[in-house]
Amino acid sequence: MTKSLDILIEDLRPTQVVGDVKVAISAVVNDSRKVCPGALFVAVRGVAVDSHRFMDQVASAGASAIVCEA
């Protein structure tokens, strides 16, 4: 089921949005290895890994959007 980014992030109350919020999102993932074209990647600072360091990689892999803390 595909939804637009604006619907998926409406409860997050983002401080900044860059780009088209009407972009279609086909999957939501937090593992950079599972990113596919159309995915929304959620980057978080974990105990062992800060997934913000993978943002360039997921963009190259076809992620349509990234939600991040930083």
C-alpha atoms as a PDB file:
ATOM      1  CA  MET A   1       0.000   0.000   0.000  1.00  0.00           C
ATOM      2  CA  THR A   2       1.495   3.322  -1.066  1.00  0.00           C
ATOM      3  CA  LYS A   3       0.947   6.516   0.943  1.00  0.00           C
ATOM      4  CA  SER A   4       2.285  10.007   0.495  1.00  0.00           C
ATOM      5  CA  LEU A   5       5.013  11.287   2.796  1.00  0.00           C
ATOM      6  CA  ASP A   6       2.844  14.076   4.218  1.00  0.00           C
ATOM      7  CA  ILE A   7       0.339  11.518   5.544  1.00  0.00           C
ATOM      8  CA  LEU A   8       3.071   9.382   7.101  1.00  0.00           C
ATOM      9  CA  ILE A   9       4.810  12.248   8.913  1.00  0.00           C
ATOM     10  CA  GLU A  10       1.816  14.333   9.997  1.00  0.00           C
ATOM     11  CA  ASP A  11       2.030  13.182  13.644  1.00  0.00           C
ATOM     12  CA  LEU A  12       5.802  13.722  13.830  1.00  0.00           C
ATOM     13  CA  ARG A  13       5.482  17.499  13.642  1.00  0.00           C
ATOM     14  CA  PRO A  14       8.759  17.885  11.749  1.00  0.00           C
ATOM     15  CA  THR A  15      10.850  20.994  12.327  1.00  0.00           C
ATOM     16  CA  GLN A  16      11.967  21.045   8.711  1.00  0.00           C
ATOM     17  CA  VAL A  17      10.864  19.366   5.497  1.00  0.00           C
ATOM     18  CA  VAL A  18      12.934  19.646   2.344  1.00  0.00           C
ATOM     19  CA  GLY A  19      11.448  18.500  -0.936  1.00  0.00           C
ATOM     20  CA  ASP A  20       8.099  17.209  -2.115  1.00  0.00           C
ATOM     21  CA  VAL A  21       5.879  15.983   0.735  1.00  0.00           C
ATOM     22  CA  LYS A  22       3.498  14.408  -1.778  1.00  0.00           C
ATOM     23  CA  VAL A  23       6.122  11.836  -2.842  1.00  0.00           C
ATOM     24  CA  ALA A  24       4.786   8.260  -2.793  1.00  0.00           C
ATOM     25  CA  ILE A  25       6.228   5.957  -0.125  1.00  0.00           C
ATOM     26  CA  SER A  26       6.009   2.212  -0.667  1.00  0.00           C
ATOM     27  CA  ALA A  27       7.895   0.981   2.426  1.00  0.00           C
ATOM     28  CA  VAL A  28       9.209   2.288   5.749  1.00  0.00           C
ATOM     29  CA  VAL A  29      12.564   0.891   6.900  1.00  0.00           C
ATOM     30  CA  ASN A  30      15.222   1.650   9.495  1.00  0.00           C
ATOM     31  CA  ASP A  31      17.801  -0.801   8.143  1.00  0.00           C
ATOM     32  CA  SER A  32      19.846   0.678   5.294  1.00  0.00           C
ATOM     33  CA  ARG A  33      20.313  -2.793   3.801  1.00  0.00           C
ATOM     34  CA  LYS A  34      16.549  -3.080   3.278  1.00  0.00           C
ATOM     35  CA  VAL A  35      16.075   0.183   1.380  1.00  0.00           C
ATOM     36  CA  CYS A  36      14.369  -0.199  -1.977  1.00  0.00           C
ATOM     37  CA  PRO A  37      13.204   2.399  -4.488  1.00  0.00           C
ATOM     38  CA  GLY A  38      10.279   4.311  -2.990  1.00  0.00           C
ATOM     39  CA  ALA A  39      11.212   3.597   0.640  1.00  0.00           C
ATOM     40  CA  LEU A  40      11.160   5.998   3.564  1.00  0.00           C
ATOM     41  CA  PHE A  41      14.349   5.511   5.602  1.00  0.00           C
ATOM     42  CA  VAL A  42      14.196   6.385   9.301  1.00  0.00           C
ATOM     43  CA  ALA A  43      17.650   7.359  10.599  1.00  0.00           C
ATOM     44  CA  VAL A  44      18.236   7.200  14.348  1.00  0.00           C
ATOM     45  CA  ARG A  45      21.168   7.320  16.715  1.00  0.00           C
ATOM     46  CA  GLY A  46      21.424   3.868  18.228  1.00  0.00           C
ATOM     47  CA  VAL A  47      23.632   2.507  20.982  1.00  0.00           C
ATOM     48  CA  ALA A  48      25.922   0.656  18.573  1.00  0.00           C
ATOM     49  CA  VAL A  49      25.268   2.394  15.232  1.00  0.00           C
ATOM     50  CA  ASP A  50      24.239   5.887  14.176  1.00  0.00           C
ATOM     51  CA  SER A  51      22.236   5.232  11.021  1.00  0.00           C
ATOM     52  CA  HIS A  52      22.580   8.883   9.966  1.00  0.00           C
ATOM     53  CA  ARG A  53      25.910   7.828   8.457  1.00  0.00           C
ATOM     54  CA  PHE A  54      24.023   5.747   5.862  1.00  0.00           C
ATOM     55  CA  MET A  55      21.877   8.566   4.469  1.00  0.00           C
ATOM     56  CA  ASP A  56      23.961   8.997   1.288  1.00  0.00           C
ATOM     57  CA  GLN A  57      23.885   5.230   0.734  1.00  0.00           C
ATOM     58  CA  VAL A  58      20.094   4.947   1.039  1.00  0.00           C
ATOM     59  CA  ALA A  59      19.575   7.944  -1.236  1.00  0.00           C
ATOM     60  CA  SER A  60      21.714   6.192  -3.858  1.00  0.00           C
ATOM     61  CA  ALA A  61      19.705   3.018  -3.323  1.00  0.00           C
ATOM     62  CA  GLY A  62      16.486   4.818  -4.276  1.00  0.00           C
ATOM     63  CA  ALA A  63      14.976   5.931  -0.977  1.00  0.00           C
ATOM     64  CA  SER A  64      12.278   8.496  -1.705  1.00  0.00           C
ATOM     65  CA  ALA A  65      12.640  10.205   1.668  1.00  0.00           C
ATOM     66  CA  ILE A  66      14.623  10.176   4.906  1.00  0.00           C
ATOM     67  CA  VAL A  67      13.370  11.022   8.378  1.00  0.00           C
ATOM     68  CA  CYS A  68      16.240  11.895  10.687  1.00  0.00           C
ATOM     69  CA  GLU A  69      16.947  13.292  14.137  1.00  0.00           C
ATOM     70  CA  ALA A  70      19.771  15.597  13.057  1.00  0.00           C
END
